C-alpha atoms as a PDB file:
ATOM      1  CA  MET A   1      28.241  68.614 149.397  1.00  0.00           C
ATOM      2  CA  ALA A   2      28.778  67.106 146.491  1.00  0.00           C
ATOM      3  CA  VAL A   3      26.691  68.142 143.272  1.00  0.00           C
ATOM      4  CA  THR A   4      25.675  65.428 140.650  1.00  0.00           C
ATOM      5  CA  THR A   5      25.286  66.241 137.203  1.00  0.00           C
ATOM      6  CA  VAL A   6      23.137  64.536 134.329  1.00  0.00           C
ATOM      7  CA  SER A   7      24.428  64.335 131.527  1.00  0.00           C
ATOM      8  CA  ARG A   8      21.909  64.946 128.136  1.00  0.00           C
ATOM      9  CA  PRO A   9      22.441  62.290 125.460  1.00  0.00           C
ATOM     10  CA  THR A  10      23.989  63.011 122.466  1.00  0.00           C
ATOM     11  CA  VAL A  11      21.685  63.552 119.456  1.00  0.00           C
ATOM     12  CA  GLU A  12      23.298  62.451 116.645  1.00  0.00           C
ATOM     13  CA  PRO A  13      22.399  64.760 113.370  1.00  0.00           C
ATOM     14  CA  SER A  14      20.345  63.255 110.168  1.00  0.00           C
ATOM     15  CA  SER A  15      21.578  62.809 106.964  1.00  0.00           C
ATOM     16  CA  THR A  16      19.912  66.303 106.167  1.00  0.00           C
ATOM     17  CA  GLY A  17      21.861  67.905 109.281  1.00  0.00           C
ATOM     18  CA  ARG A  18      18.251  68.211 111.088  1.00  0.00           C
ATOM     19  CA  ALA A  19      17.784  66.560 114.799  1.00  0.00           C
ATOM     20  CA  PRO A  20      14.784  64.392 114.167  1.00  0.00           C
ATOM     21  CA  GLY A  21      11.702  65.373 115.545  1.00  0.00           C
ATOM     22  CA  PRO A  22       9.068  63.141 117.883  1.00  0.00           C
ATOM     23  CA  ALA A  23       8.422  59.592 117.014  1.00  0.00           C
ATOM     24  CA  ARG A  24       4.621  59.818 115.034  1.00  0.00           C
ATOM     25  CA  PRO A  25       2.198  57.257 115.410  1.00  0.00           C
ATOM     26  CA  ALA A  26       2.140  54.655 112.329  1.00  0.00           C
ATOM     27  CA  ARG A  27      -0.969  56.230 109.940  1.00  0.00           C
ATOM     28  CA  ARG A  28      -3.410  54.236 109.569  1.00  0.00           C
ATOM     29  CA  LYS A  29      -4.757  52.427 106.520  1.00  0.00           C
ATOM     30  CA  LYS A  30      -7.947  53.820 105.191  1.00  0.00           C
ATOM     31  CA  TRP A  31      -9.446  50.516 104.870  1.00  0.00           C
ATOM     32  CA  LEU A  32      -9.547  50.413 108.532  1.00  0.00           C
ATOM     33  CA  THR A  33     -11.016  53.637 108.878  1.00  0.00           C
ATOM     34  CA  TRP A  34     -14.565  53.621 109.193  1.00  0.00           C
ATOM     35  CA  ASN A  35     -15.372  57.336 108.953  1.00  0.00           C
ATOM     36  CA  ARG A  36     -16.436  56.683 105.185  1.00  0.00           C
ATOM     37  CA  TRP A  37     -18.612  53.699 105.064  1.00  0.00           C
ATOM     38  CA  THR A  38     -20.368  54.142 108.708  1.00  0.00           C
ATOM     39  CA  PRO A  39     -22.931  56.048 107.446  1.00  0.00           C
ATOM     40  CA  LEU A  40     -23.948  53.644 104.682  1.00  0.00           C
ATOM     41  CA  LEU A  41     -23.799  51.328 107.119  1.00  0.00           C
ATOM     42  CA  LEU A  42     -25.880  52.851 109.342  1.00  0.00           C
ATOM     43  CA  ILE A  43     -28.924  53.898 106.524  1.00  0.00           C
ATOM     44  CA  LEU A  44     -28.215  50.414 105.198  1.00  0.00           C
ATOM     45  CA  PRO A  45     -31.338  48.587 107.767  1.00  0.00           C
ATOM     46  CA  ALA A  46     -33.964  51.778 106.510  1.00  0.00           C
ATOM     47  CA  VAL A  47     -32.717  51.562 103.112  1.00  0.00           C
ATOM     48  CA  LEU A  48     -33.416  47.709 103.197  1.00  0.00           C
ATOM     49  CA  LEU A  49     -36.695  48.308 105.185  1.00  0.00           C
ATOM     50  CA  GLU A  50     -37.949  50.722 102.862  1.00  0.00           C
ATOM     51  CA  LEU A  51     -37.296  48.562  99.751  1.00  0.00           C
ATOM     52  CA  LEU A  52     -39.852  45.351 101.274  1.00  0.00           C
ATOM     53  CA  VAL A  53     -42.254  47.644 102.651  1.00  0.00           C
ATOM     54  CA  HIS A  54     -42.916  50.364 100.469  1.00  0.00           C
ATOM     55  CA  VAL A  55     -40.809  50.309  96.871  1.00  0.00           C
ATOM     56  CA  ILE A  56     -40.877  46.537  96.014  1.00  0.00           C
ATOM     57  CA  PRO A  57     -44.752  46.079  97.260  1.00  0.00           C
ATOM     58  CA  MET A  58     -45.263  49.624  95.031  1.00  0.00           C
ATOM     59  CA  ILE A  59     -43.771  48.302  91.827  1.00  0.00           C
ATOM     60  CA  VAL A  60     -45.667  44.938  92.009  1.00  0.00           C
ATOM     61  CA  GLY A  61     -49.078  47.356  92.587  1.00  0.00           C
ATOM     62  CA  LEU A  62     -48.342  49.047  89.491  1.00  0.00           C
ATOM     63  CA  TRP A  63     -47.136  45.894  87.667  1.00  0.00           C
ATOM     64  CA  MET A  64     -50.871  44.270  88.969  1.00  0.00           C
ATOM     65  CA  SER A  65     -52.617  47.148  87.207  1.00  0.00           C
ATOM     66  CA  PHE A  66     -51.463  46.597  83.867  1.00  0.00           C
ATOM     67  CA  ILE A  67     -52.991  43.186  83.817  1.00  0.00           C
ATOM     68  CA  GLN A  68     -55.889  41.259  83.769  1.00  0.00           C
ATOM     69  CA  LEU A  69     -55.683  39.489  87.629  1.00  0.00           C
ATOM     70  CA  THR A  70     -58.815  37.937  88.643  1.00  0.00           C
ATOM     71  CA  GLN A  71     -59.605  34.970  90.792  1.00  0.00           C
ATOM     72  CA  PHE A  72     -58.597  32.558  87.595  1.00  0.00           C
ATOM     73  CA  TYR A  73     -55.442  33.817  87.849  1.00  0.00           C
ATOM     74  CA  VAL A  74     -54.384  34.153  91.678  1.00  0.00           C
ATOM     75  CA  THR A  75     -52.254  30.821  91.790  1.00  0.00           C
ATOM     76  CA  ASN A  76     -50.261  31.973  88.217  1.00  0.00           C
ATOM     77  CA  TRP A  77     -49.629  35.591  87.775  1.00  0.00           C
ATOM     78  CA  ALA A  78     -48.196  34.993  84.760  1.00  0.00           C
ATOM     79  CA  ALA A  79     -50.665  33.966  82.830  1.00  0.00           C
ATOM     80  CA  ALA A  80     -52.698  36.579  83.482  1.00  0.00           C
ATOM     81  CA  PRO A  81     -53.387  38.477  80.257  1.00  0.00           C
ATOM     82  CA  PHE A  82     -51.971  42.248  79.637  1.00  0.00           C
ATOM     83  CA  ALA A  83     -54.638  44.622  79.876  1.00  0.00           C
ATOM     84  CA  GLY A  84     -52.429  47.732  79.066  1.00  0.00           C
ATOM     85  CA  PHE A  85     -54.551  50.986  80.113  1.00  0.00           C
ATOM     86  CA  GLY A  86     -57.416  48.446  80.181  1.00  0.00           C
ATOM     87  CA  ASN A  87     -58.030  48.770  83.744  1.00  0.00           C
ATOM     88  CA  TYR A  88     -57.930  52.199  83.761  1.00  0.00           C
ATOM     89  CA  ALA A  89     -60.266  52.811  80.893  1.00  0.00           C
ATOM     90  CA  VAL A  90     -62.863  51.119  82.722  1.00  0.00           C
ATOM     91  CA  ILE A  91     -62.663  52.561  86.404  1.00  0.00           C
ATOM     92  CA  LEU A  92     -62.086  56.330  84.568  1.00  0.00           C
ATOM     93  CA  ASN A  93     -65.147  55.366  82.307  1.00  0.00           C
ATOM     94  CA  PHE A  94     -68.080  57.295  84.081  1.00  0.00           C
ATOM     95  CA  ASN A  95     -70.635  55.715  82.317  1.00  0.00           C
ATOM     96  CA  ASN A  96     -70.489  52.349  83.625  1.00  0.00           C
ATOM     97  CA  ALA A  97     -71.163  50.912  87.069  1.00  0.00           C
ATOM     98  CA  LEU A  98     -68.071  51.001  88.420  1.00  0.00           C
ATOM     99  CA  GLY A  99     -66.460  54.250  87.151  1.00  0.00           C
ATOM    100  CA  LYS A 100     -69.982  55.816  88.444  1.00  0.00           C
ATOM    101  CA  GLN A 101     -68.893  53.833  91.955  1.00  0.00           C
ATOM    102  CA  LEU A 102     -65.704  55.166  91.705  1.00  0.00           C
ATOM    103  CA  LEU A 103     -66.610  59.015  91.154  1.00  0.00           C
ATOM    104  CA  SER A 104     -69.069  58.369  94.109  1.00  0.00           C
ATOM    105  CA  SER A 105     -66.775  56.977  96.188  1.00  0.00           C
ATOM    106  CA  PHE A 106     -63.920  59.926  95.937  1.00  0.00           C
ATOM    107  CA  GLY A 107     -66.874  62.483  96.382  1.00  0.00           C
ATOM    108  CA  VAL A 108     -67.460  60.680  99.719  1.00  0.00           C
ATOM    109  CA  THR A 109     -63.867  60.436 100.669  1.00  0.00           C
ATOM    110  CA  LEU A 110     -63.032  64.080  99.633  1.00  0.00           C
ATOM    111  CA  ALA A 111     -66.017  65.645 101.727  1.00  0.00           C
ATOM    112  CA  PHE A 112     -65.212  63.059 104.681  1.00  0.00           C
ATOM    113  CA  THR A 113     -61.700  64.149 104.477  1.00  0.00           C
ATOM    114  CA  ILE A 114     -62.251  68.243 104.795  1.00  0.00           C
ATOM    115  CA  LEU A 115     -64.978  67.820 107.547  1.00  0.00           C
ATOM    116  CA  VAL A 116     -62.420  65.717 109.724  1.00  0.00           C
ATOM    117  CA  VAL A 117     -59.256  68.033 108.837  1.00  0.00           C
ATOM    118  CA  GLY A 118     -61.039  70.652 109.360  1.00  0.00           C
ATOM    119  CA  ILE A 119     -62.822  69.857 112.994  1.00  0.00           C
ATOM    120  CA  SER A 120     -59.631  68.358 113.796  1.00  0.00           C
ATOM    121  CA  PHE A 121     -57.529  71.049 113.267  1.00  0.00           C
ATOM    122  CA  PHE A 122     -59.668  73.533 115.414  1.00  0.00           C
ATOM    123  CA  LEU A 123     -60.506  71.427 118.058  1.00  0.00           C
ATOM    124  CA  GLY A 124     -56.697  71.002 118.355  1.00  0.00           C
ATOM    125  CA  MET A 125     -55.829  74.698 117.769  1.00  0.00           C
ATOM    126  CA  ALA A 126     -58.619  75.615 120.226  1.00  0.00           C
ATOM    127  CA  ALA A 127     -57.304  73.494 123.338  1.00  0.00           C
ATOM    128  CA  SER A 128     -53.898  74.535 122.727  1.00  0.00           C
ATOM    129  CA  ILE A 129     -54.586  77.691 122.942  1.00  0.00           C
ATOM    130  CA  VAL A 130     -56.840  77.463 126.062  1.00  0.00           C
ATOM    131  CA  LEU A 131     -54.029  75.233 127.914  1.00  0.00           C
ATOM    132  CA  GLN A 132     -51.411  77.279 127.334  1.00  0.00           C
ATOM    133  CA  ARG A 133     -52.029  79.464 130.622  1.00  0.00           C
ATOM    134  CA  LYS A 134     -51.130  77.704 134.121  1.00  0.00           C
ATOM    135  CA  PHE A 135     -54.031  76.827 135.806  1.00  0.00           C
ATOM    136  CA  ARG A 136     -55.165  74.099 138.400  1.00  0.00           C
ATOM    137  CA  GLY A 137     -55.945  70.655 136.449  1.00  0.00           C
ATOM    138  CA  ARG A 138     -53.948  71.751 133.250  1.00  0.00           C
ATOM    139  CA  GLY A 139     -51.678  68.774 133.581  1.00  0.00           C
ATOM    140  CA  LEU A 140     -54.581  66.040 133.724  1.00  0.00           C
ATOM    141  CA  LEU A 141     -56.884  67.911 130.815  1.00  0.00           C
ATOM    142  CA  ARG A 142     -53.475  67.473 128.604  1.00  0.00           C
ATOM    143  CA  THR A 143     -53.467  63.483 129.678  1.00  0.00           C
ATOM    144  CA  MET A 144     -56.998  63.270 129.071  1.00  0.00           C
ATOM    145  CA  PHE A 145     -57.288  64.695 125.499  1.00  0.00           C
ATOM    146  CA  LEU A 146     -54.495  62.305 124.483  1.00  0.00           C
ATOM    147  CA  ILE A 147     -56.036  59.325 125.414  1.00  0.00           C
ATOM    148  CA  PRO A 148     -57.938  58.540 121.849  1.00  0.00           C
ATOM    149  CA  TYR A 149     -54.558  59.255 120.236  1.00  0.00           C
ATOM    150  CA  ALA A 150     -52.766  56.695 122.673  1.00  0.00           C
ATOM    151  CA  LEU A 151     -55.553  53.679 122.416  1.00  0.00           C
ATOM    152  CA  PRO A 152     -55.377  51.592 120.044  1.00  0.00           C
ATOM    153  CA  ALA A 153     -57.151  52.388 116.746  1.00  0.00           C
ATOM    154  CA  TYR A 154     -59.258  49.246 117.176  1.00  0.00           C
ATOM    155  CA  ALA A 155     -59.969  49.028 120.326  1.00  0.00           C
ATOM    156  CA  GLY A 156     -61.597  52.472 119.976  1.00  0.00           C
ATOM    157  CA  ILE A 157     -63.201  52.184 116.831  1.00  0.00           C
ATOM    158  CA  ILE A 158     -64.778  49.042 117.943  1.00  0.00           C
ATOM    159  CA  THR A 159     -66.265  50.834 121.398  1.00  0.00           C
ATOM    160  CA  TRP A 160     -67.548  53.012 119.069  1.00  0.00           C
ATOM    161  CA  LYS A 161     -69.429  50.731 117.124  1.00  0.00           C
ATOM    162  CA  PHE A 162     -71.240  49.297 120.359  1.00  0.00           C
ATOM    163  CA  ILE A 163     -71.831  52.997 121.191  1.00  0.00           C
ATOM    164  CA  LEU A 164     -73.567  53.577 117.870  1.00  0.00           C
ATOM    165  CA  GLN A 165     -75.560  50.441 117.930  1.00  0.00           C
ATOM    166  CA  ARG A 166     -79.534  51.078 116.857  1.00  0.00           C
ATOM    167  CA  ASP A 167     -80.375  48.246 119.556  1.00  0.00           C
ATOM    168  CA  ASN A 168     -79.060  48.287 123.067  1.00  0.00           C
ATOM    169  CA  GLY A 169     -76.212  51.280 121.942  1.00  0.00           C
ATOM    170  CA  LEU A 170     -75.345  53.707 124.162  1.00  0.00           C
ATOM    171  CA  LEU A 171     -76.343  56.782 122.289  1.00  0.00           C
ATOM    172  CA  ASN A 172     -79.524  55.907 121.225  1.00  0.00           C
ATOM    173  CA  GLU A 173     -80.294  54.294 124.937  1.00  0.00           C
ATOM    174  CA  LEU A 174     -79.425  58.059 125.705  1.00  0.00           C
ATOM    175  CA  LEU A 175     -81.783  59.981 122.816  1.00  0.00           C
ATOM    176  CA  VAL A 176     -84.250  57.825 123.482  1.00  0.00           C
ATOM    177  CA  ASN A 177     -85.128  56.131 126.453  1.00  0.00           C
ATOM    178  CA  ASN A 178     -83.178  59.094 128.940  1.00  0.00           C
ATOM    179  CA  LEU A 179     -83.733  62.644 126.736  1.00  0.00           C
ATOM    180  CA  HIS A 180     -86.928  61.324 124.784  1.00  0.00           C
ATOM    181  CA  THR A 181     -85.650  62.997 122.105  1.00  0.00           C
ATOM    182  CA  THR A 182     -87.107  60.902 119.529  1.00  0.00           C
ATOM    183  CA  ASP A 183     -89.958  57.900 119.608  1.00  0.00           C
ATOM    184  CA  THR A 184     -87.729  55.201 117.383  1.00  0.00           C
ATOM    185  CA  ALA A 185     -83.997  54.630 117.587  1.00  0.00           C
ATOM    186  CA  PRO A 186     -82.188  55.629 114.785  1.00  0.00           C
ATOM    187  CA  PHE A 187     -79.706  53.752 112.540  1.00  0.00           C
ATOM    188  CA  TRP A 188     -75.815  54.869 112.706  1.00  0.00           C
ATOM    189  CA  LEU A 189     -74.210  52.781 111.097  1.00  0.00           C
ATOM    190  CA  VAL A 190     -76.518  52.250 108.209  1.00  0.00           C
ATOM    191  CA  GLY A 191     -78.153  54.923 105.499  1.00  0.00           C
ATOM    192  CA  GLY A 192     -77.031  58.426 105.315  1.00  0.00           C
ATOM    193  CA  ASN A 193     -76.173  58.943 109.078  1.00  0.00           C
ATOM    194  CA  ALA A 194     -73.267  56.203 108.391  1.00  0.00           C
ATOM    195  CA  PHE A 195     -71.457  58.795 106.779  1.00  0.00           C
ATOM    196  CA  PHE A 196     -71.669  61.259 109.946  1.00  0.00           C
ATOM    197  CA  SER A 197     -70.777  58.438 112.337  1.00  0.00           C
ATOM    198  CA  VAL A 198     -67.571  57.632 110.389  1.00  0.00           C
ATOM    199  CA  VAL A 199     -66.590  61.579 110.503  1.00  0.00           C
ATOM    200  CA  ILE A 200     -67.159  61.799 114.191  1.00  0.00           C
ATOM    201  CA  VAL A 201     -65.476  58.283 114.721  1.00  0.00           C
ATOM    202  CA  SER A 202     -62.447  59.606 112.714  1.00  0.00           C
ATOM    203  CA  ILE A 203     -62.760  63.405 114.341  1.00  0.00           C
ATOM    204  CA  TRP A 204     -62.383  61.806 117.949  1.00  0.00           C
ATOM    205  CA  GLN A 205     -59.107  59.622 116.531  1.00  0.00           C
ATOM    206  CA  GLN A 206     -57.426  62.736 114.829  1.00  0.00           C
ATOM    207  CA  TRP A 207     -57.808  65.844 117.003  1.00  0.00           C
ATOM    208  CA  PRO A 208     -55.910  64.729 119.933  1.00  0.00           C
ATOM    209  CA  PHE A 209     -52.562  64.689 117.040  1.00  0.00           C
ATOM    210  CA  ALA A 210     -53.597  68.158 115.832  1.00  0.00           C
ATOM    211  CA  PHE A 211     -53.568  68.935 119.803  1.00  0.00           C
ATOM    212  CA  LEU A 212     -50.044  67.933 120.242  1.00  0.00           C
ATOM    213  CA  MET A 213     -48.426  69.118 117.576  1.00  0.00           C
ATOM    214  CA  THR A 214     -50.227  72.694 118.104  1.00  0.00           C
ATOM    215  CA  MET A 215     -49.312  72.605 121.932  1.00  0.00           C
ATOM    216  CA  ALA A 216     -45.383  71.412 121.441  1.00  0.00           C
ATOM    217  CA  GLY A 217     -45.558  74.604 118.421  1.00  0.00           C
ATOM    218  CA  MET A 218     -46.786  76.695 121.250  1.00  0.00           C
ATOM    219  CA  GLN A 219     -44.013  76.021 123.162  1.00  0.00           C
ATOM    220  CA  ALA A 220     -41.489  77.589 121.365  1.00  0.00           C
ATOM    221  CA  ILE A 221     -43.454  81.514 121.368  1.00  0.00           C
ATOM    222  CA  PRO A 222     -41.805  83.688 123.757  1.00  0.00           C
ATOM    223  CA  ASP A 223     -44.098  84.836 126.311  1.00  0.00           C
ATOM    224  CA  ASP A 224     -42.364  88.329 125.876  1.00  0.00           C
ATOM    225  CA  MET A 225     -44.364  89.198 122.526  1.00  0.00           C
ATOM    226  CA  TYR A 226     -47.986  88.122 124.371  1.00  0.00           C
ATOM    227  CA  GLU A 227     -46.652  90.824 127.062  1.00  0.00           C
ATOM    228  CA  ALA A 228     -45.425  93.309 124.621  1.00  0.00           C
ATOM    229  CA  ALA A 229     -48.379  93.247 122.629  1.00  0.00           C
ATOM    230  CA  ALA A 230     -50.823  93.568 125.549  1.00  0.00           C
ATOM    231  CA  ILE A 231     -48.930  96.553 126.874  1.00  0.00           C
ATOM    232  CA  ASP A 232     -49.416  97.904 123.077  1.00  0.00           C
ATOM    233  CA  GLY A 233     -53.133  97.450 123.649  1.00  0.00           C
ATOM    234  CA  ALA A 234     -53.658  94.100 121.802  1.00  0.00           C
ATOM    235  CA  SER A 235     -56.888  91.900 122.616  1.00  0.00           C
ATOM    236  CA  VAL A 236     -56.518  88.457 123.234  1.00  0.00           C
ATOM    237  CA  TRP A 237     -58.056  87.477 119.736  1.00  0.00           C
ATOM    238  CA  GLN A 238     -55.323  90.339 117.927  1.00  0.00           C
ATOM    239  CA  GLN A 239     -52.929  88.056 120.015  1.00  0.00           C
ATOM    240  CA  ILE A 240     -53.959  84.799 119.212  1.00  0.00           C
ATOM    241  CA  ARG A 241     -54.688  86.037 115.121  1.00  0.00           C
ATOM    242  CA  HIS A 242     -51.116  87.646 114.829  1.00  0.00           C
ATOM    243  CA  ILE A 243     -48.621  86.212 117.125  1.00  0.00           C
ATOM    244  CA  THR A 244     -50.205  82.775 117.962  1.00  0.00           C
ATOM    245  CA  MET A 245     -51.645  82.061 114.173  1.00  0.00           C
ATOM    246  CA  GLY A 246     -48.543  83.901 112.533  1.00  0.00           C
ATOM    247  CA  MET A 247     -45.487  81.800 114.683  1.00  0.00           C
ATOM    248  CA  MET A 248     -47.731  78.448 113.834  1.00  0.00           C
ATOM    249  CA  ARG A 249     -47.853  78.928 110.255  1.00  0.00           C
ATOM    250  CA  PRO A 250     -45.062  76.735 109.378  1.00  0.00           C
ATOM    251  CA  ILE A 251     -46.080  73.826 111.873  1.00  0.00           C
ATOM    252  CA  ASN A 252     -49.774  74.499 110.647  1.00  0.00           C
ATOM    253  CA  ALA A 253     -49.081  74.160 106.896  1.00  0.00           C
ATOM    254  CA  VAL A 254     -47.025  70.681 107.981  1.00  0.00           C
ATOM    255  CA  LEU A 255     -49.983  69.640 110.102  1.00  0.00           C
ATOM    256  CA  LEU A 256     -52.758  70.116 107.563  1.00  0.00           C
ATOM    257  CA  LEU A 257     -50.748  68.156 105.240  1.00  0.00           C
ATOM    258  CA  LEU A 258     -50.478  65.136 107.262  1.00  0.00           C
ATOM    259  CA  LEU A 259     -53.647  65.067 108.095  1.00  0.00           C
ATOM    260  CA  PHE A 260     -55.068  65.094 104.789  1.00  0.00           C
ATOM    261  CA  LEU A 261     -52.583  62.578 103.789  1.00  0.00           C
ATOM    262  CA  TRP A 262     -53.833  59.991 106.892  1.00  0.00           C
ATOM    263  CA  THR A 263     -57.268  61.163 106.548  1.00  0.00           C
ATOM    264  CA  PHE A 264     -57.608  60.539 102.498  1.00  0.00           C
ATOM    265  CA  ARG A 265     -56.539  57.325 102.775  1.00  0.00           C
ATOM    266  CA  GLU A 266     -58.425  56.141 105.907  1.00  0.00           C
ATOM    267  CA  PHE A 267     -59.259  52.413 105.853  1.00  0.00           C
ATOM    268  CA  ASN A 268     -59.435  51.195 109.584  1.00  0.00           C
ATOM    269  CA  THR A 269     -62.385  53.366 110.534  1.00  0.00           C
ATOM    270  CA  PRO A 270     -64.543  52.772 108.472  1.00  0.00           C
ATOM    271  CA  PHE A 271     -63.741  48.799 107.595  1.00  0.00           C
ATOM    272  CA  VAL A 272     -64.243  48.167 111.426  1.00  0.00           C
ATOM    273  CA  LEU A 273     -67.392  50.340 111.489  1.00  0.00           C
ATOM    274  CA  PHE A 274     -69.194  48.852 108.553  1.00  0.00           C
ATOM    275  CA  GLY A 275     -67.260  46.114 107.236  1.00  0.00           C
ATOM    276  CA  PRO A 276     -66.223  45.269 104.169  1.00  0.00           C
ATOM    277  CA  VAL A 277     -69.472  46.478 101.963  1.00  0.00           C
ATOM    278  CA  PRO A 278     -70.232  49.626 103.938  1.00  0.00           C
ATOM    279  CA  PRO A 279     -73.234  51.879 103.284  1.00  0.00           C
ATOM    280  CA  PRO A 280     -72.829  54.228  99.730  1.00  0.00           C
ATOM    281  CA  SER A 281     -72.708  57.395 101.989  1.00  0.00           C
ATOM    282  CA  ALA A 282     -69.554  55.971 103.838  1.00  0.00           C
ATOM    283  CA  ASN A 283     -67.852  54.235 101.124  1.00  0.00           C
ATOM    284  CA  LEU A 284     -64.505  55.608 101.207  1.00  0.00           C
ATOM    285  CA  LEU A 285     -61.986  54.895  98.262  1.00  0.00           C
ATOM    286  CA  THR A 286     -59.860  52.747 100.066  1.00  0.00           C
ATOM    287  CA  VAL A 287     -62.956  50.462 101.424  1.00  0.00           C
ATOM    288  CA  ASN A 288     -63.878  50.428  97.673  1.00  0.00           C
ATOM    289  CA  ILE A 289     -60.708  49.178  96.673  1.00  0.00           C
ATOM    290  CA  TYR A 290     -60.462  46.805  99.261  1.00  0.00           C
ATOM    291  CA  SER A 291     -64.070  45.562  98.132  1.00  0.00           C
ATOM    292  CA  ASN A 292     -63.004  45.142  94.269  1.00  0.00           C
ATOM    293  CA  SER A 293     -59.661  43.341  94.926  1.00  0.00           C
ATOM    294  CA  PHE A 294     -60.677  40.921  97.992  1.00  0.00           C
ATOM    295  CA  ILE A 295     -64.780  40.706  97.419  1.00  0.00           C
ATOM    296  CA  ASN A 296     -65.138  40.878  93.746  1.00  0.00           C
ATOM    297  CA  TRP A 297     -61.640  39.339  92.942  1.00  0.00           C
ATOM    298  CA  ASN A 298     -60.483  41.592  91.080  1.00  0.00           C
ATOM    299  CA  PHE A 299     -56.954  42.505  91.714  1.00  0.00           C
ATOM    300  CA  GLY A 300     -56.384  44.384  88.300  1.00  0.00           C
ATOM    301  CA  LEU A 301     -59.172  46.764  88.781  1.00  0.00           C
ATOM    302  CA  GLY A 302     -58.146  47.532  92.479  1.00  0.00           C
ATOM    303  CA  SER A 303     -54.587  48.048  91.686  1.00  0.00           C
ATOM    304  CA  ALA A 304     -55.359  50.640  88.927  1.00  0.00           C
ATOM    305  CA  MET A 305     -57.673  51.952  91.817  1.00  0.00           C
ATOM    306  CA  SER A 306     -54.623  52.387  94.026  1.00  0.00           C
ATOM    307  CA  VAL A 307     -52.441  53.805  91.722  1.00  0.00           C
ATOM    308  CA  LEU A 308     -54.909  56.505  90.680  1.00  0.00           C
ATOM    309  CA  LEU A 309     -55.123  57.051  94.818  1.00  0.00           C
ATOM    310  CA  MET A 310     -51.059  57.346  94.898  1.00  0.00           C
ATOM    311  CA  LEU A 311     -51.138  59.770  91.949  1.00  0.00           C
ATOM    312  CA  PHE A 312     -54.024  62.248  93.835  1.00  0.00           C
ATOM    313  CA  LEU A 313     -51.878  62.154  97.153  1.00  0.00           C
ATOM    314  CA  VAL A 314     -48.618  62.741  95.508  1.00  0.00           C
ATOM    315  CA  ILE A 315     -50.177  65.762  93.292  1.00  0.00           C
ATOM    316  CA  VAL A 316     -51.441  67.271  96.426  1.00  0.00           C
ATOM    317  CA  ALA A 317     -48.194  66.908  98.197  1.00  0.00           C
ATOM    318  CA  GLY A 318     -46.597  68.463  95.468  1.00  0.00           C
ATOM    319  CA  ALA A 319     -49.073  71.298  94.873  1.00  0.00           C
ATOM    320  CA  TRP A 320     -48.356  71.881  99.015  1.00  0.00           C
ATOM    321  CA  ALA A 321     -44.827  71.589  98.217  1.00  0.00           C
ATOM    322  CA  LEU A 322     -44.782  74.905  95.744  1.00  0.00           C
ATOM    323  CA  TRP A 323     -47.256  76.567  98.100  1.00  0.00           C
ATOM    324  CA  GLN A 324     -44.468  76.556 100.698  1.00  0.00           C
ATOM    325  CA  ARG A 325     -41.875  77.775  98.354  1.00  0.00           C
ATOM    326  CA  LYS A 326     -43.484  80.718  97.330  1.00  0.00           C
ATOM    327  CA  ALA A 327     -44.711  81.420 100.810  1.00  0.00           C
ATOM    328  CA  ASN A 328     -41.461  81.454 101.904  1.00  0.00           C
ATOM    329  CA  ARG A 329     -40.127  83.988  99.169  1.00  0.00           C
ATOM    330  CA  ASN A 330     -42.799  85.974  99.657  1.00  0.00           C
ATOM    331  CA  ALA A 331     -41.889  86.130 103.338  1.00  0.00           C
END
């Protein structure tokens, strides 16, 4: 039987006396690699949109607050006289009509925000706690509770406007003709009742978001903690107070901040319910700014009010951040 032998190719030693290693792939040039520029390219569209939608309009609005931009200079902004802090001096002078109106509008907005945020948070938290336990129909209730949040805002507010009409409104039809609680149909969109109307409609819109956030946060709480607390003799209220509320504290802090910021600058609800000139009891700050800008044609005063509104919300957010930092240090 013949045996064939395979001879290995001889490798000539290099000039250094070492055998050459395996061939290495050619190193790519740095300007061809995307590792350095990819993150910047990915965030570039978001940065451009942020500049176009928020930053540039904010700078323009800040500049408008320092000029006397009225209806006479709308077509030629460059000809508008420089006012300095004159617009701010007018609206912060609480002895004149504009200053009194701004102060009243701020108080109405603050009361409106406190009621809407407090009741929306309470309803959302209560619904989340109830729906944490499994029972038949839980999924259907969750879906029904989220319907106001899923509906388009204008469609829901217009529906409420029809419900709150004095003549042929569903609410007055129920109170006057069916339940016979009053002899005359009350006004819900004018007078003092207008404030409660805008509060009710805003709560109907806001509380499903609070419910969604708190329900998602409660999913992360282990069931073992409740079982251990029940074995130790803790009541249901003690479990809610010490376990649920304790574990939900970071989420609740962010939720309350978001609800406060969104509610304080709410514009759609009062504008659709009452129009550009709402009753004094429901004259929220954003509608007041709109009226001075587009009804009275004084964009300088409206811009100054907008800047003050922005500063107030920035102060609230900064105070919240400091409070959170202090709470995290003490934890």
